[in-house]
Amino acid sequence: MMTCRGRVSRGVVVLDDPTALADGTCVQVQPLQEAAQEGPSEEKALLSLSEKLLRLAGTVNGLPADMARNHDHYLHGHPKK
């Protein structure tokens, strides 16, 4: 049995030697180590801007209750909705 090494990137296994297996080859993947590691994981580093902003949603205190609806009023002086 042949052993190929690689890493998972955005949910896809990327082999160190991409020519090692022909397209369509059936494989079985077994992790060599636990996925949990110290420090930021590769997955966290690849979060989109929208995912990063959503993590901040609701974390600011002291804003008007209608800030989401009337942000143009508070930021640019437009009439309230």
C-alpha atoms as a PDB file:
ATOM      1  CA  MET A   1       0.000   0.000   0.000  1.00  0.00           C
ATOM      2  CA  MET A   2       1.293   3.443  -0.968  1.00  0.00           C
ATOM      3  CA  THR A   3       1.467   6.325   1.553  1.00  0.00           C
ATOM      4  CA  CYS A   4       1.111   9.945   0.393  1.00  0.00           C
ATOM      5  CA  ARG A   5       1.429  12.976   2.625  1.00  0.00           C
ATOM      6  CA  GLY A   6      -0.289  16.323   2.380  1.00  0.00           C
ATOM      7  CA  ARG A   7      -2.343  18.897   4.274  1.00  0.00           C
ATOM      8  CA  VAL A   8      -5.957  20.014   4.358  1.00  0.00           C
ATOM      9  CA  SER A   9      -6.487  23.494   2.918  1.00  0.00           C
ATOM     10  CA  ARG A  10     -10.020  24.945   2.995  1.00  0.00           C
ATOM     11  CA  GLY A  11     -11.495  21.465   3.274  1.00  0.00           C
ATOM     12  CA  VAL A  12      -9.458  19.937   0.444  1.00  0.00           C
ATOM     13  CA  VAL A  13      -6.544  17.531   0.855  1.00  0.00           C
ATOM     14  CA  VAL A  14      -3.524  18.919  -0.994  1.00  0.00           C
ATOM     15  CA  LEU A  15      -0.811  16.327  -1.523  1.00  0.00           C
ATOM     16  CA  ASP A  16       2.853  17.224  -1.134  1.00  0.00           C
ATOM     17  CA  ASP A  17       3.420  15.434  -4.449  1.00  0.00           C
ATOM     18  CA  PRO A  18       0.358  16.154  -6.616  1.00  0.00           C
ATOM     19  CA  THR A  19       1.484  13.610  -9.239  1.00  0.00           C
ATOM     20  CA  ALA A  20       1.561  10.746  -6.722  1.00  0.00           C
ATOM     21  CA  LEU A  21      -2.032   9.677  -7.407  1.00  0.00           C
ATOM     22  CA  ALA A  22      -4.063   9.736 -10.596  1.00  0.00           C
ATOM     23  CA  ASP A  23      -7.287  11.770 -10.713  1.00  0.00           C
ATOM     24  CA  GLY A  24     -10.205   9.680  -9.528  1.00  0.00           C
ATOM     25  CA  THR A  25      -8.128   7.461  -7.243  1.00  0.00           C
ATOM     26  CA  CYS A  26     -10.145   6.387  -4.177  1.00  0.00           C
ATOM     27  CA  VAL A  27      -8.330   7.220  -0.941  1.00  0.00           C
ATOM     28  CA  GLN A  28      -8.812   6.917   2.801  1.00  0.00           C
ATOM     29  CA  VAL A  29      -7.615   9.872   4.892  1.00  0.00           C
ATOM     30  CA  GLN A  30      -6.370   9.393   8.440  1.00  0.00           C
ATOM     31  CA  PRO A  31      -5.045  12.433  10.357  1.00  0.00           C
ATOM     32  CA  LEU A  32      -1.504  12.082  11.684  1.00  0.00           C
ATOM     33  CA  GLN A  33      -2.125  14.434  14.613  1.00  0.00           C
ATOM     34  CA  GLU A  34      -4.937  16.164  16.459  1.00  0.00           C
ATOM     35  CA  ALA A  35      -6.412  19.136  14.622  1.00  0.00           C
ATOM     36  CA  ALA A  36      -6.332  21.342  17.731  1.00  0.00           C
ATOM     37  CA  GLN A  37      -3.113  23.341  17.974  1.00  0.00           C
ATOM     38  CA  GLU A  38      -1.880  26.270  20.025  1.00  0.00           C
ATOM     39  CA  GLY A  39      -2.197  29.692  18.437  1.00  0.00           C
ATOM     40  CA  PRO A  40      -4.404  30.688  15.511  1.00  0.00           C
ATOM     41  CA  SER A  41      -5.379  27.829  13.270  1.00  0.00           C
ATOM     42  CA  GLU A  42      -5.101  27.998   9.495  1.00  0.00           C
ATOM     43  CA  GLU A  43      -8.901  27.964   9.336  1.00  0.00           C
ATOM     44  CA  LYS A  44      -9.146  31.082  11.502  1.00  0.00           C
ATOM     45  CA  ALA A  45      -6.545  32.817   9.346  1.00  0.00           C
ATOM     46  CA  LEU A  46      -8.656  32.124   6.244  1.00  0.00           C
ATOM     47  CA  LEU A  47     -11.908  33.630   7.538  1.00  0.00           C
ATOM     48  CA  SER A  48     -13.526  36.042   5.146  1.00  0.00           C
ATOM     49  CA  LEU A  49     -13.965  39.688   6.075  1.00  0.00           C
ATOM     50  CA  SER A  50     -17.708  39.176   6.538  1.00  0.00           C
ATOM     51  CA  GLU A  51     -17.083  36.273   8.950  1.00  0.00           C
ATOM     52  CA  LYS A  52     -14.646  38.410  10.942  1.00  0.00           C
ATOM     53  CA  LEU A  53     -17.128  41.302  11.092  1.00  0.00           C
ATOM     54  CA  LEU A  54     -19.962  38.997  12.169  1.00  0.00           C
ATOM     55  CA  ARG A  55     -17.879  37.961  15.170  1.00  0.00           C
ATOM     56  CA  LEU A  56     -17.951  41.603  16.281  1.00  0.00           C
ATOM     57  CA  ALA A  57     -21.714  41.996  15.831  1.00  0.00           C
ATOM     58  CA  GLY A  58     -23.438  43.026  19.048  1.00  0.00           C
ATOM     59  CA  THR A  59     -20.225  43.628  20.983  1.00  0.00           C
ATOM     60  CA  VAL A  60     -20.293  47.460  21.106  1.00  0.00           C
ATOM     61  CA  ASN A  61     -21.961  49.088  24.128  1.00  0.00           C
ATOM     62  CA  GLY A  62     -23.536  52.533  24.426  1.00  0.00           C
ATOM     63  CA  LEU A  63     -24.970  52.902  20.917  1.00  0.00           C
ATOM     64  CA  PRO A  64     -28.526  54.160  20.300  1.00  0.00           C
ATOM     65  CA  ALA A  65     -31.138  51.385  20.168  1.00  0.00           C
ATOM     66  CA  ASP A  66     -31.965  52.295  16.550  1.00  0.00           C
ATOM     67  CA  MET A  67     -28.354  52.487  15.350  1.00  0.00           C
ATOM     68  CA  ALA A  68     -28.695  49.674  12.794  1.00  0.00           C
ATOM     69  CA  ARG A  69     -31.806  51.212  11.232  1.00  0.00           C
ATOM     70  CA  ASN A  70     -30.607  54.827  11.326  1.00  0.00           C
ATOM     71  CA  HIS A  71     -26.835  54.563  10.935  1.00  0.00           C
ATOM     72  CA  ASP A  72     -26.917  57.098   8.062  1.00  0.00           C
ATOM     73  CA  HIS A  73     -28.550  59.593  10.422  1.00  0.00           C
ATOM     74  CA  TYR A  74     -25.914  59.129  13.122  1.00  0.00           C
ATOM     75  CA  LEU A  75     -22.950  58.986  10.753  1.00  0.00           C
ATOM     76  CA  HIS A  76     -23.929  61.462   8.012  1.00  0.00           C
ATOM     77  CA  GLY A  77     -26.846  63.506   9.358  1.00  0.00           C
ATOM     78  CA  HIS A  78     -29.505  62.024   7.044  1.00  0.00           C
ATOM     79  CA  PRO A  79     -33.129  62.053   8.245  1.00  0.00           C
ATOM     80  CA  LYS A  80     -34.122  59.175  10.524  1.00  0.00           C
ATOM     81  CA  LYS A  81     -36.160  56.319   9.018  1.00  0.00           C
END
